[in-house]
Amino acid sequence: MSPCTTGVTCGTPFLNIARTLAAAALGAVPVLDDAGRVIGVVSESDLLAHAASLAAPRGPGMFGRLFRHRDQRRLAETAATLMTAPAVEVHVTTPLIEAARAAARSRVRQLFVTDHKGRLAGVVSRGDLLRALVRDDADVLVRIRECLEARFCPGHPDAVHVEVVNGTVTLTGKLDVALIPQLTGAVSAMDGVTEVVDHLRSA
C-alpha cells in the first residue's frame, strides 16, 4: 500500500471534496469519522453525476427560480449525502490475493487499507495489486527452488518443475514418494502461496 493522508469528514462540502480529489489526483477519497475510521467513500463518478445534475439548464419564471434555489442547496451538499457506504476496504493483514479478489468483485480502482481499529492506514490501487502479485510469484518461485536444492533434491533441483501463477504453485516431475507430502506441505506453508497443485510422480 501507499500512505494515504487525504480524507474528508461527513460535513465536507461538495466543492471542497472536488478540490481535494483534483489536488491529490485521486479517483476517490475516504470519508472518515472523528476517530479516523473509514465510514464511506466519495468517488469521481459520484461527484461528476452530482455536477451534471446541477449543470442542467433552468428556465425562467417561478419554477426556474425554484430549481435554482434547490441547486444552491444541492451545491452545499456534503460527503454524508454523496458517499457510498460502506467503503470497499481491506485490513493491513489481508492476504494479497484476497485484496485482489475484493478489487475485482467491487470493480473499484483502489482499496482503502485500515488498521485493527478501522482507521485509515493507506491505499492500494489495482496497479499496485497487479505488480505485487507478479513480484510475489517470482519471489515464491525462487524460494521453492532454494528449498528443493537444500532439502529435497540437492544437486538435481530440476527434477521437479515449478510453476507459480497468482499464488497457485504447480509441481510436476519425479521425487521419492516419501518426500512428496513433505514438499507439498513445505510449499503450502510459504508466504504468498494460496494453493498447491501436486502432479508429482514417485521416482
N, C-alpha and C. Protein backbone atom coordinates (compact mmCIF):
# COMPACT_ATOMS: atom_id res chain seq x y z
N MET A 1 0.83 -1.20 0.00
CA MET A 1 0.00 0.00 0.00
C MET A 1 0.87 1.25 0.00
N SER A 2 0.24 2.34 -0.34
CA SER A 2 0.88 3.65 -0.26
C SER A 2 0.26 4.41 0.91
N PRO A 3 1.02 5.26 1.57
CA PRO A 3 0.43 6.06 2.65
C PRO A 3 -0.70 6.92 2.10
N CYS A 4 -1.73 7.13 2.88
CA CYS A 4 -2.87 7.95 2.45
C CYS A 4 -3.23 8.89 3.59
N THR A 5 -2.96 10.16 3.40
CA THR A 5 -3.27 11.15 4.44
C THR A 5 -4.45 12.01 4.02
N THR A 6 -5.01 11.75 2.84
CA THR A 6 -6.11 12.55 2.33
C THR A 6 -7.44 11.91 2.68
N GLY A 7 -8.27 12.63 3.37
CA GLY A 7 -9.59 12.16 3.71
C GLY A 7 -10.50 13.34 3.97
N VAL A 8 -11.80 13.10 3.95
CA VAL A 8 -12.77 14.15 4.24
C VAL A 8 -13.67 13.67 5.37
N THR A 9 -14.38 14.59 5.97
CA THR A 9 -15.34 14.24 7.02
C THR A 9 -16.75 14.26 6.44
N CYS A 10 -17.70 13.80 7.23
CA CYS A 10 -19.09 13.78 6.77
C CYS A 10 -19.59 15.18 6.39
N GLY A 11 -19.06 16.20 7.05
CA GLY A 11 -19.54 17.55 6.81
C GLY A 11 -18.80 18.30 5.71
N THR A 12 -17.86 17.66 5.03
CA THR A 12 -17.11 18.36 3.97
C THR A 12 -18.02 18.65 2.79
N PRO A 13 -18.11 19.92 2.34
CA PRO A 13 -19.00 20.27 1.22
C PRO A 13 -18.53 19.70 -0.11
N PHE A 14 -19.48 19.59 -1.04
CA PHE A 14 -19.25 19.06 -2.38
C PHE A 14 -18.04 19.68 -3.06
N LEU A 15 -17.98 21.02 -3.10
CA LEU A 15 -16.89 21.68 -3.81
C LEU A 15 -15.53 21.41 -3.16
N ASN A 16 -15.49 21.32 -1.86
CA ASN A 16 -14.23 21.01 -1.17
C ASN A 16 -13.75 19.59 -1.49
N ILE A 17 -14.71 18.66 -1.59
CA ILE A 17 -14.34 17.29 -1.96
C ILE A 17 -13.75 17.27 -3.36
N ALA A 18 -14.41 17.99 -4.28
CA ALA A 18 -13.92 18.04 -5.65
C ALA A 18 -12.51 18.62 -5.71
N ARG A 19 -12.26 19.68 -4.94
CA ARG A 19 -10.92 20.28 -4.92
C ARG A 19 -9.90 19.31 -4.34
N THR A 20 -10.30 18.56 -3.32
CA THR A 20 -9.39 17.58 -2.71
C THR A 20 -8.99 16.51 -3.71
N LEU A 21 -9.96 15.97 -4.44
CA LEU A 21 -9.67 14.94 -5.44
C LEU A 21 -8.77 15.48 -6.55
N ALA A 22 -9.07 16.69 -7.00
CA ALA A 22 -8.28 17.28 -8.08
C ALA A 22 -6.84 17.54 -7.64
N ALA A 23 -6.67 18.07 -6.42
CA ALA A 23 -5.33 18.41 -5.93
C ALA A 23 -4.48 17.16 -5.70
N ALA A 24 -5.12 16.08 -5.21
CA ALA A 24 -4.36 14.87 -4.88
C ALA A 24 -4.31 13.88 -6.03
N ALA A 25 -5.00 14.19 -7.14
CA ALA A 25 -5.05 13.30 -8.30
C ALA A 25 -5.53 11.90 -7.90
N LEU A 26 -6.60 11.87 -7.11
CA LEU A 26 -7.16 10.61 -6.64
C LEU A 26 -8.45 10.30 -7.39
N GLY A 27 -8.77 9.01 -7.49
CA GLY A 27 -10.04 8.60 -8.10
C GLY A 27 -11.17 8.57 -7.10
N ALA A 28 -10.81 8.55 -5.81
CA ALA A 28 -11.82 8.52 -4.76
C ALA A 28 -11.16 8.99 -3.47
N VAL A 29 -11.97 9.43 -2.55
CA VAL A 29 -11.46 9.90 -1.26
C VAL A 29 -12.26 9.25 -0.15
N PRO A 30 -11.60 8.78 0.91
CA PRO A 30 -12.35 8.15 2.00
C PRO A 30 -13.03 9.21 2.88
N VAL A 31 -14.17 8.83 3.43
CA VAL A 31 -14.88 9.67 4.39
C VAL A 31 -14.58 9.10 5.78
N LEU A 32 -14.05 9.94 6.65
CA LEU A 32 -13.59 9.49 7.97
C LEU A 32 -14.46 10.06 9.08
N ASP A 33 -14.62 9.27 10.14
CA ASP A 33 -15.31 9.81 11.31
C ASP A 33 -14.30 10.52 12.21
N ASP A 34 -14.72 10.96 13.37
CA ASP A 34 -13.85 11.74 14.25
C ASP A 34 -12.64 10.96 14.75
N ALA A 35 -12.75 9.60 14.74
CA ALA A 35 -11.65 8.76 15.21
C ALA A 35 -10.73 8.32 14.07
N GLY A 36 -11.00 8.82 12.85
CA GLY A 36 -10.16 8.45 11.70
C GLY A 36 -10.55 7.14 11.06
N ARG A 37 -11.71 6.59 11.43
CA ARG A 37 -12.18 5.33 10.84
C ARG A 37 -12.86 5.60 9.51
N VAL A 38 -12.68 4.68 8.56
CA VAL A 38 -13.29 4.83 7.24
C VAL A 38 -14.75 4.41 7.31
N ILE A 39 -15.66 5.33 6.98
CA ILE A 39 -17.10 5.01 7.04
C ILE A 39 -17.76 5.07 5.67
N GLY A 40 -17.04 5.55 4.66
CA GLY A 40 -17.61 5.63 3.32
C GLY A 40 -16.57 6.14 2.34
N VAL A 41 -17.00 6.32 1.09
CA VAL A 41 -16.09 6.81 0.06
C VAL A 41 -16.87 7.67 -0.93
N VAL A 42 -16.23 8.73 -1.41
CA VAL A 42 -16.80 9.56 -2.47
C VAL A 42 -15.86 9.46 -3.66
N SER A 43 -16.39 9.03 -4.79
CA SER A 43 -15.56 8.83 -5.98
C SER A 43 -15.75 9.97 -6.98
N GLU A 44 -14.87 9.99 -7.98
CA GLU A 44 -15.01 10.96 -9.07
C GLU A 44 -16.36 10.83 -9.74
N SER A 45 -16.81 9.59 -9.96
CA SER A 45 -18.09 9.39 -10.64
C SER A 45 -19.26 9.93 -9.82
N ASP A 46 -19.16 9.79 -8.48
CA ASP A 46 -20.19 10.36 -7.62
C ASP A 46 -20.27 11.88 -7.81
N LEU A 47 -19.11 12.53 -7.83
CA LEU A 47 -19.07 13.99 -7.96
C LEU A 47 -19.51 14.44 -9.35
N LEU A 48 -19.08 13.71 -10.39
CA LEU A 48 -19.45 14.09 -11.75
C LEU A 48 -20.96 13.95 -11.97
N ALA A 49 -21.55 12.89 -11.43
CA ALA A 49 -23.00 12.72 -11.56
C ALA A 49 -23.73 13.86 -10.86
N HIS A 50 -23.24 14.24 -9.70
CA HIS A 50 -23.87 15.34 -8.95
C HIS A 50 -23.69 16.65 -9.71
N ALA A 51 -22.49 16.88 -10.26
CA ALA A 51 -22.24 18.12 -11.00
C ALA A 51 -23.10 18.19 -12.26
N ALA A 52 -23.30 17.05 -12.93
CA ALA A 52 -24.09 17.03 -14.15
C ALA A 52 -25.54 17.41 -13.87
N SER A 53 -26.06 16.96 -12.72
CA SER A 53 -27.45 17.31 -12.37
C SER A 53 -27.59 18.80 -12.09
N LEU A 54 -26.51 19.41 -11.60
CA LEU A 54 -26.54 20.85 -11.33
C LEU A 54 -26.39 21.67 -12.59
N ALA A 55 -25.77 21.08 -13.61
CA ALA A 55 -25.47 21.83 -14.83
C ALA A 55 -26.64 21.87 -15.80
N ALA A 56 -27.73 21.13 -15.53
CA ALA A 56 -28.88 21.13 -16.43
C ALA A 56 -29.48 22.53 -16.53
N PRO A 57 -29.85 22.97 -17.75
CA PRO A 57 -30.40 24.32 -17.91
C PRO A 57 -31.71 24.50 -17.17
N ARG A 58 -31.92 25.69 -16.63
CA ARG A 58 -33.14 26.01 -15.90
C ARG A 58 -33.87 27.14 -16.62
N GLY A 59 -35.19 27.00 -16.74
CA GLY A 59 -35.97 28.00 -17.44
C GLY A 59 -36.27 29.23 -16.59
N PRO A 60 -36.89 30.25 -17.19
CA PRO A 60 -37.24 31.46 -16.44
C PRO A 60 -38.49 31.23 -15.60
N GLY A 61 -38.87 32.23 -14.86
CA GLY A 61 -40.11 32.18 -14.12
C GLY A 61 -39.98 31.53 -12.76
N MET A 62 -41.15 31.28 -12.16
CA MET A 62 -41.18 30.79 -10.79
C MET A 62 -40.51 29.42 -10.66
N PHE A 63 -40.81 28.50 -11.60
CA PHE A 63 -40.23 27.18 -11.50
C PHE A 63 -38.72 27.22 -11.70
N GLY A 64 -38.25 28.09 -12.58
CA GLY A 64 -36.81 28.24 -12.78
C GLY A 64 -36.14 28.71 -11.51
N ARG A 65 -36.79 29.68 -10.81
CA ARG A 65 -36.22 30.17 -9.56
C ARG A 65 -36.20 29.07 -8.49
N LEU A 66 -37.26 28.27 -8.47
CA LEU A 66 -37.31 27.17 -7.51
C LEU A 66 -36.19 26.17 -7.76
N PHE A 67 -35.97 25.84 -9.04
CA PHE A 67 -34.90 24.90 -9.38
C PHE A 67 -33.54 25.47 -9.00
N ARG A 68 -33.34 26.78 -9.29
CA ARG A 68 -32.05 27.40 -8.98
C ARG A 68 -31.82 27.42 -7.47
N HIS A 69 -32.89 27.68 -6.71
CA HIS A 69 -32.77 27.68 -5.26
C HIS A 69 -32.41 26.27 -4.76
N ARG A 70 -33.06 25.26 -5.34
CA ARG A 70 -32.76 23.88 -4.96
C ARG A 70 -31.32 23.53 -5.32
N ASP A 71 -30.84 24.01 -6.48
CA ASP A 71 -29.47 23.73 -6.90
C ASP A 71 -28.46 24.35 -5.94
N GLN A 72 -28.78 25.53 -5.42
CA GLN A 72 -27.87 26.14 -4.45
C GLN A 72 -27.75 25.27 -3.20
N ARG A 73 -28.88 24.68 -2.79
CA ARG A 73 -28.83 23.77 -1.64
C ARG A 73 -28.03 22.52 -1.98
N ARG A 74 -28.23 22.01 -3.20
CA ARG A 74 -27.51 20.80 -3.58
C ARG A 74 -26.02 21.06 -3.74
N LEU A 75 -25.65 22.28 -4.13
CA LEU A 75 -24.23 22.63 -4.25
C LEU A 75 -23.56 22.58 -2.88
N ALA A 76 -24.35 22.78 -1.83
CA ALA A 76 -23.81 22.75 -0.47
C ALA A 76 -23.89 21.36 0.16
N GLU A 77 -24.31 20.35 -0.62
CA GLU A 77 -24.39 19.00 -0.06
C GLU A 77 -23.01 18.54 0.38
N THR A 78 -23.02 17.62 1.33
CA THR A 78 -21.77 17.19 1.96
C THR A 78 -21.45 15.73 1.65
N ALA A 79 -20.30 15.32 2.14
CA ALA A 79 -19.85 13.94 1.94
C ALA A 79 -20.85 12.94 2.50
N ALA A 80 -21.54 13.31 3.56
CA ALA A 80 -22.50 12.40 4.19
C ALA A 80 -23.60 11.97 3.23
N THR A 81 -24.02 12.88 2.34
CA THR A 81 -25.10 12.55 1.40
C THR A 81 -24.57 12.04 0.07
N LEU A 82 -23.31 12.32 -0.24
CA LEU A 82 -22.74 11.92 -1.53
C LEU A 82 -22.01 10.58 -1.48
N MET A 83 -21.61 10.16 -0.29
CA MET A 83 -20.72 9.00 -0.20
C MET A 83 -21.47 7.68 -0.43
N THR A 84 -20.68 6.68 -0.80
CA THR A 84 -21.13 5.30 -0.85
C THR A 84 -20.64 4.63 0.43
N ALA A 85 -21.53 3.95 1.13
CA ALA A 85 -21.16 3.31 2.39
C ALA A 85 -21.74 1.90 2.44
N PRO A 86 -21.00 0.95 2.98
CA PRO A 86 -19.62 1.12 3.47
C PRO A 86 -18.63 1.17 2.32
N ALA A 87 -17.45 1.67 2.57
CA ALA A 87 -16.39 1.70 1.57
C ALA A 87 -15.83 0.29 1.40
N VAL A 88 -15.30 0.02 0.21
CA VAL A 88 -14.60 -1.25 -0.01
C VAL A 88 -13.21 -1.09 0.60
N GLU A 89 -12.95 -1.84 1.66
CA GLU A 89 -11.67 -1.69 2.34
C GLU A 89 -11.10 -3.05 2.70
N VAL A 90 -9.81 -3.08 2.95
CA VAL A 90 -9.13 -4.30 3.38
C VAL A 90 -8.29 -3.95 4.60
N HIS A 91 -7.93 -4.98 5.35
CA HIS A 91 -7.13 -4.80 6.55
C HIS A 91 -5.65 -4.85 6.19
N VAL A 92 -4.82 -4.27 7.03
CA VAL A 92 -3.38 -4.28 6.76
C VAL A 92 -2.83 -5.70 6.69
N THR A 93 -3.51 -6.68 7.31
CA THR A 93 -3.04 -8.06 7.29
C THR A 93 -3.75 -8.91 6.24
N THR A 94 -4.64 -8.32 5.43
CA THR A 94 -5.35 -9.08 4.40
C THR A 94 -4.36 -9.64 3.38
N PRO A 95 -4.41 -10.95 3.11
CA PRO A 95 -3.51 -11.51 2.09
C PRO A 95 -3.70 -10.83 0.74
N LEU A 96 -2.64 -10.74 0.00
CA LEU A 96 -2.63 -10.05 -1.29
C LEU A 96 -3.70 -10.58 -2.23
N ILE A 97 -3.82 -11.90 -2.33
CA ILE A 97 -4.77 -12.48 -3.28
C ILE A 97 -6.20 -12.13 -2.89
N GLU A 98 -6.49 -12.04 -1.57
CA GLU A 98 -7.83 -11.67 -1.13
C GLU A 98 -8.13 -10.20 -1.47
N ALA A 99 -7.13 -9.35 -1.34
CA ALA A 99 -7.30 -7.94 -1.71
C ALA A 99 -7.58 -7.83 -3.21
N ALA A 100 -6.88 -8.63 -4.01
CA ALA A 100 -7.10 -8.61 -5.46
C ALA A 100 -8.52 -9.06 -5.79
N ARG A 101 -9.00 -10.08 -5.09
CA ARG A 101 -10.37 -10.56 -5.32
C ARG A 101 -11.39 -9.47 -4.95
N ALA A 102 -11.14 -8.78 -3.85
CA ALA A 102 -12.05 -7.72 -3.41
C ALA A 102 -12.11 -6.60 -4.45
N ALA A 103 -10.97 -6.24 -5.00
CA ALA A 103 -10.93 -5.19 -6.02
C ALA A 103 -11.65 -5.63 -7.28
N ALA A 104 -11.48 -6.90 -7.66
CA ALA A 104 -12.13 -7.41 -8.87
C ALA A 104 -13.65 -7.48 -8.70
N ARG A 105 -14.10 -7.95 -7.54
CA ARG A 105 -15.54 -8.07 -7.30
C ARG A 105 -16.23 -6.71 -7.28
N SER A 106 -15.60 -5.75 -6.65
CA SER A 106 -16.23 -4.44 -6.48
C SER A 106 -16.00 -3.52 -7.67
N ARG A 107 -15.03 -3.86 -8.52
CA ARG A 107 -14.70 -3.04 -9.70
C ARG A 107 -14.27 -1.62 -9.33
N VAL A 108 -13.66 -1.48 -8.17
CA VAL A 108 -13.15 -0.17 -7.77
C VAL A 108 -11.69 -0.04 -8.22
N ARG A 109 -11.25 1.20 -8.38
CA ARG A 109 -9.88 1.45 -8.84
C ARG A 109 -8.87 1.35 -7.70
N GLN A 110 -9.34 1.54 -6.48
CA GLN A 110 -8.42 1.49 -5.35
C GLN A 110 -9.15 1.02 -4.10
N LEU A 111 -8.40 0.41 -3.22
CA LEU A 111 -8.94 -0.07 -1.95
C LEU A 111 -8.30 0.73 -0.82
N PHE A 112 -9.09 1.06 0.17
CA PHE A 112 -8.55 1.72 1.34
C PHE A 112 -8.16 0.65 2.36
N VAL A 113 -7.00 0.83 2.97
CA VAL A 113 -6.45 -0.14 3.90
C VAL A 113 -6.60 0.42 5.31
N THR A 114 -7.14 -0.41 6.21
CA THR A 114 -7.39 0.05 7.57
C THR A 114 -6.60 -0.78 8.58
N ASP A 115 -6.36 -0.19 9.74
CA ASP A 115 -5.66 -0.91 10.80
C ASP A 115 -6.67 -1.67 11.67
N HIS A 116 -6.21 -2.22 12.79
CA HIS A 116 -7.06 -3.08 13.61
C HIS A 116 -8.20 -2.31 14.28
N LYS A 117 -8.13 -0.98 14.26
CA LYS A 117 -9.21 -0.17 14.83
C LYS A 117 -10.11 0.44 13.76
N GLY A 118 -9.88 0.03 12.50
CA GLY A 118 -10.69 0.55 11.41
C GLY A 118 -10.25 1.91 10.91
N ARG A 119 -9.09 2.39 11.39
CA ARG A 119 -8.59 3.71 10.98
C ARG A 119 -7.84 3.59 9.67
N LEU A 120 -7.88 4.66 8.89
CA LEU A 120 -7.21 4.67 7.60
C LEU A 120 -5.71 4.52 7.77
N ALA A 121 -5.13 3.52 7.06
CA ALA A 121 -3.69 3.29 7.13
C ALA A 121 -3.00 3.53 5.79
N GLY A 122 -3.75 3.41 4.69
CA GLY A 122 -3.14 3.59 3.38
C GLY A 122 -4.13 3.28 2.28
N VAL A 123 -3.62 3.24 1.07
CA VAL A 123 -4.46 2.97 -0.10
C VAL A 123 -3.67 2.08 -1.05
N VAL A 124 -4.37 1.17 -1.71
CA VAL A 124 -3.73 0.30 -2.69
C VAL A 124 -4.57 0.30 -3.96
N SER A 125 -3.92 0.48 -5.10
CA SER A 125 -4.63 0.55 -6.38
C SER A 125 -4.60 -0.80 -7.08
N ARG A 126 -5.39 -0.93 -8.14
CA ARG A 126 -5.37 -2.16 -8.93
C ARG A 126 -3.97 -2.41 -9.49
N GLY A 127 -3.30 -1.33 -9.94
CA GLY A 127 -1.95 -1.48 -10.47
C GLY A 127 -0.97 -1.96 -9.41
N ASP A 128 -1.12 -1.44 -8.18
CA ASP A 128 -0.27 -1.89 -7.07
C ASP A 128 -0.45 -3.38 -6.84
N LEU A 129 -1.71 -3.83 -6.84
CA LEU A 129 -2.00 -5.25 -6.60
C LEU A 129 -1.43 -6.12 -7.70
N LEU A 130 -1.58 -5.68 -8.94
CA LEU A 130 -1.07 -6.47 -10.05
C LEU A 130 0.44 -6.59 -10.00
N ARG A 131 1.12 -5.48 -9.73
CA ARG A 131 2.59 -5.52 -9.65
C ARG A 131 3.04 -6.39 -8.49
N ALA A 132 2.33 -6.31 -7.37
CA ALA A 132 2.70 -7.12 -6.21
C ALA A 132 2.49 -8.60 -6.46
N LEU A 133 1.40 -8.94 -7.17
CA LEU A 133 1.15 -10.34 -7.48
C LEU A 133 2.26 -10.92 -8.34
N VAL A 134 2.68 -10.17 -9.34
CA VAL A 134 3.75 -10.64 -10.21
C VAL A 134 5.05 -10.77 -9.42
N ARG A 135 5.33 -9.78 -8.58
CA ARG A 135 6.55 -9.81 -7.79
C ARG A 135 6.54 -10.97 -6.80
N ASP A 136 5.40 -11.21 -6.17
CA ASP A 136 5.29 -12.29 -5.21
C ASP A 136 5.48 -13.65 -5.87
N ASP A 137 4.93 -13.82 -7.07
CA ASP A 137 5.08 -15.09 -7.78
C ASP A 137 6.55 -15.38 -8.05
N ALA A 138 7.27 -14.36 -8.48
CA ALA A 138 8.70 -14.55 -8.77
C ALA A 138 9.47 -14.89 -7.50
N ASP A 139 9.11 -14.23 -6.40
CA ASP A 139 9.77 -14.49 -5.12
C ASP A 139 9.46 -15.90 -4.62
N VAL A 140 8.21 -16.33 -4.76
CA VAL A 140 7.83 -17.69 -4.34
C VAL A 140 8.61 -18.73 -5.14
N LEU A 141 8.74 -18.50 -6.45
CA LEU A 141 9.47 -19.44 -7.30
C LEU A 141 10.92 -19.58 -6.84
N VAL A 142 11.56 -18.48 -6.52
CA VAL A 142 12.95 -18.52 -6.05
C VAL A 142 13.05 -19.31 -4.75
N ARG A 143 12.12 -19.06 -3.82
CA ARG A 143 12.17 -19.75 -2.53
C ARG A 143 11.92 -21.25 -2.66
N ILE A 144 11.03 -21.63 -3.57
CA ILE A 144 10.78 -23.07 -3.76
C ILE A 144 12.00 -23.74 -4.36
N ARG A 145 12.63 -23.10 -5.32
CA ARG A 145 13.84 -23.69 -5.92
C ARG A 145 14.96 -23.82 -4.89
N GLU A 146 15.09 -22.83 -4.03
CA GLU A 146 16.10 -22.92 -2.97
C GLU A 146 15.78 -24.08 -2.02
N CYS A 147 14.50 -24.26 -1.73
CA CYS A 147 14.07 -25.34 -0.85
C CYS A 147 14.35 -26.71 -1.49
N LEU A 148 14.09 -26.82 -2.78
CA LEU A 148 14.38 -28.08 -3.48
C LEU A 148 15.87 -28.41 -3.42
N GLU A 149 16.69 -27.41 -3.66
CA GLU A 149 18.14 -27.62 -3.66
C GLU A 149 18.64 -27.99 -2.27
N ALA A 150 18.08 -27.37 -1.25
CA ALA A 150 18.59 -27.58 0.10
C ALA A 150 18.07 -28.85 0.76
N ARG A 151 16.80 -29.22 0.47
CA ARG A 151 16.18 -30.30 1.26
C ARG A 151 15.73 -31.52 0.46
N PHE A 152 15.24 -31.32 -0.73
CA PHE A 152 14.53 -32.42 -1.38
C PHE A 152 15.28 -33.07 -2.55
N CYS A 153 15.97 -32.31 -3.31
CA CYS A 153 16.76 -32.92 -4.39
C CYS A 153 18.04 -32.13 -4.61
N PRO A 154 18.93 -32.14 -3.62
CA PRO A 154 20.19 -31.40 -3.74
C PRO A 154 21.01 -31.87 -4.93
N GLY A 155 21.48 -30.89 -5.68
CA GLY A 155 22.25 -31.21 -6.87
C GLY A 155 21.40 -31.49 -8.09
N HIS A 156 20.10 -31.71 -7.88
CA HIS A 156 19.19 -32.00 -9.00
C HIS A 156 17.86 -31.25 -8.84
N PRO A 157 17.89 -29.96 -8.63
CA PRO A 157 16.63 -29.22 -8.40
C PRO A 157 15.69 -29.24 -9.60
N ASP A 158 16.25 -29.49 -10.80
CA ASP A 158 15.40 -29.51 -11.99
C ASP A 158 14.57 -30.79 -12.09
N ALA A 159 14.77 -31.72 -11.16
CA ALA A 159 13.95 -32.94 -11.17
C ALA A 159 12.48 -32.61 -10.92
N VAL A 160 12.24 -31.50 -10.26
CA VAL A 160 10.87 -31.03 -10.02
C VAL A 160 10.68 -29.71 -10.75
N HIS A 161 9.67 -29.68 -11.62
CA HIS A 161 9.36 -28.44 -12.34
C HIS A 161 8.33 -27.65 -11.52
N VAL A 162 8.59 -26.36 -11.38
CA VAL A 162 7.73 -25.49 -10.55
C VAL A 162 7.16 -24.37 -11.41
N GLU A 163 5.85 -24.17 -11.27
CA GLU A 163 5.19 -23.05 -11.95
C GLU A 163 4.35 -22.31 -10.91
N VAL A 164 4.46 -21.00 -10.90
CA VAL A 164 3.71 -20.19 -9.94
C VAL A 164 2.90 -19.14 -10.70
N VAL A 165 1.58 -19.16 -10.53
CA VAL A 165 0.70 -18.19 -11.18
C VAL A 165 -0.32 -17.69 -10.16
N ASN A 166 -0.22 -16.40 -9.84
CA ASN A 166 -1.15 -15.78 -8.88
C ASN A 166 -1.24 -16.55 -7.57
N GLY A 167 -0.08 -17.02 -7.10
CA GLY A 167 -0.04 -17.71 -5.82
C GLY A 167 -0.32 -19.19 -5.89
N THR A 168 -0.76 -19.70 -7.04
CA THR A 168 -1.01 -21.14 -7.21
C THR A 168 0.26 -21.81 -7.73
N VAL A 169 0.76 -22.78 -6.98
CA VAL A 169 2.00 -23.47 -7.33
C VAL A 169 1.67 -24.84 -7.90
N THR A 170 2.20 -25.12 -9.09
CA THR A 170 2.02 -26.43 -9.71
C THR A 170 3.37 -27.14 -9.73
N LEU A 171 3.40 -28.34 -9.15
CA LEU A 171 4.62 -29.13 -9.07
C LEU A 171 4.49 -30.35 -9.97
N THR A 172 5.45 -30.55 -10.88
CA THR A 172 5.47 -31.73 -11.74
C THR A 172 6.88 -32.32 -11.73
N GLY A 173 6.97 -33.58 -12.10
CA GLY A 173 8.27 -34.24 -12.13
C GLY A 173 8.27 -35.46 -11.24
N LYS A 174 9.47 -35.94 -10.90
CA LYS A 174 9.61 -37.16 -10.11
C LYS A 174 10.36 -36.86 -8.81
N LEU A 175 9.90 -37.52 -7.74
CA LEU A 175 10.51 -37.34 -6.43
C LEU A 175 10.24 -38.59 -5.60
N ASP A 176 11.14 -38.88 -4.68
CA ASP A 176 10.93 -40.00 -3.76
C ASP A 176 9.54 -39.89 -3.14
N VAL A 177 8.78 -40.99 -3.18
CA VAL A 177 7.39 -40.97 -2.74
C VAL A 177 7.24 -40.47 -1.30
N ALA A 178 8.21 -40.77 -0.44
CA ALA A 178 8.13 -40.32 0.95
C ALA A 178 8.34 -38.82 1.09
N LEU A 179 9.00 -38.21 0.08
CA LEU A 179 9.29 -36.78 0.16
C LEU A 179 8.17 -35.91 -0.43
N ILE A 180 7.29 -36.52 -1.22
CA ILE A 180 6.25 -35.73 -1.90
C ILE A 180 5.36 -34.98 -0.91
N PRO A 181 4.78 -35.65 0.10
CA PRO A 181 3.95 -34.88 1.05
C PRO A 181 4.73 -33.85 1.85
N GLN A 182 6.01 -34.14 2.09
CA GLN A 182 6.84 -33.18 2.81
C GLN A 182 7.05 -31.92 1.97
N LEU A 183 7.29 -32.11 0.69
CA LEU A 183 7.50 -30.97 -0.21
C LEU A 183 6.22 -30.14 -0.36
N THR A 184 5.10 -30.81 -0.61
CA THR A 184 3.85 -30.06 -0.78
C THR A 184 3.48 -29.32 0.51
N GLY A 185 3.77 -29.94 1.65
CA GLY A 185 3.49 -29.27 2.92
C GLY A 185 4.38 -28.06 3.12
N ALA A 186 5.66 -28.17 2.77
CA ALA A 186 6.59 -27.05 2.92
C ALA A 186 6.21 -25.90 2.00
N VAL A 187 5.80 -26.23 0.78
CA VAL A 187 5.41 -25.19 -0.19
C VAL A 187 4.12 -24.52 0.26
N SER A 188 3.15 -25.30 0.74
CA SER A 188 1.88 -24.73 1.19
C SER A 188 2.06 -23.73 2.32
N ALA A 189 3.09 -23.95 3.15
CA ALA A 189 3.33 -23.08 4.31
C ALA A 189 4.04 -21.79 3.95
N MET A 190 4.50 -21.66 2.72
CA MET A 190 5.26 -20.46 2.33
C MET A 190 4.34 -19.26 2.16
N ASP A 191 4.81 -18.10 2.57
CA ASP A 191 4.08 -16.85 2.34
C ASP A 191 3.90 -16.63 0.84
N GLY A 192 2.70 -16.20 0.46
CA GLY A 192 2.43 -15.92 -0.94
C GLY A 192 1.84 -17.09 -1.70
N VAL A 193 1.80 -18.26 -1.09
CA VAL A 193 1.24 -19.46 -1.74
C VAL A 193 -0.21 -19.62 -1.30
N THR A 194 -1.12 -19.69 -2.26
CA THR A 194 -2.54 -19.85 -1.95
C THR A 194 -3.05 -21.26 -2.24
N GLU A 195 -2.34 -21.97 -3.12
CA GLU A 195 -2.77 -23.33 -3.47
C GLU A 195 -1.59 -24.10 -4.04
N VAL A 196 -1.56 -25.40 -3.79
CA VAL A 196 -0.52 -26.26 -4.37
C VAL A 196 -1.20 -27.35 -5.18
N VAL A 197 -0.84 -27.43 -6.46
CA VAL A 197 -1.35 -28.48 -7.35
C VAL A 197 -0.24 -29.52 -7.51
N ASP A 198 -0.51 -30.72 -7.03
CA ASP A 198 0.52 -31.78 -6.97
C ASP A 198 0.35 -32.72 -8.15
N HIS A 199 1.30 -32.61 -9.12
CA HIS A 199 1.35 -33.55 -10.24
C HIS A 199 2.65 -34.38 -10.18
N LEU A 200 3.18 -34.54 -9.00
CA LEU A 200 4.44 -35.26 -8.83
C LEU A 200 4.21 -36.77 -8.91
N ARG A 201 5.21 -37.46 -9.44
CA ARG A 201 5.18 -38.92 -9.51
C ARG A 201 6.35 -39.47 -8.69
N SER A 202 6.19 -40.69 -8.22
CA SER A 202 7.27 -41.30 -7.43
C SER A 202 8.43 -41.66 -8.33
N ALA A 203 9.64 -41.42 -7.85
CA ALA A 203 10.85 -41.69 -8.64
C ALA A 203 11.19 -43.17 -8.59
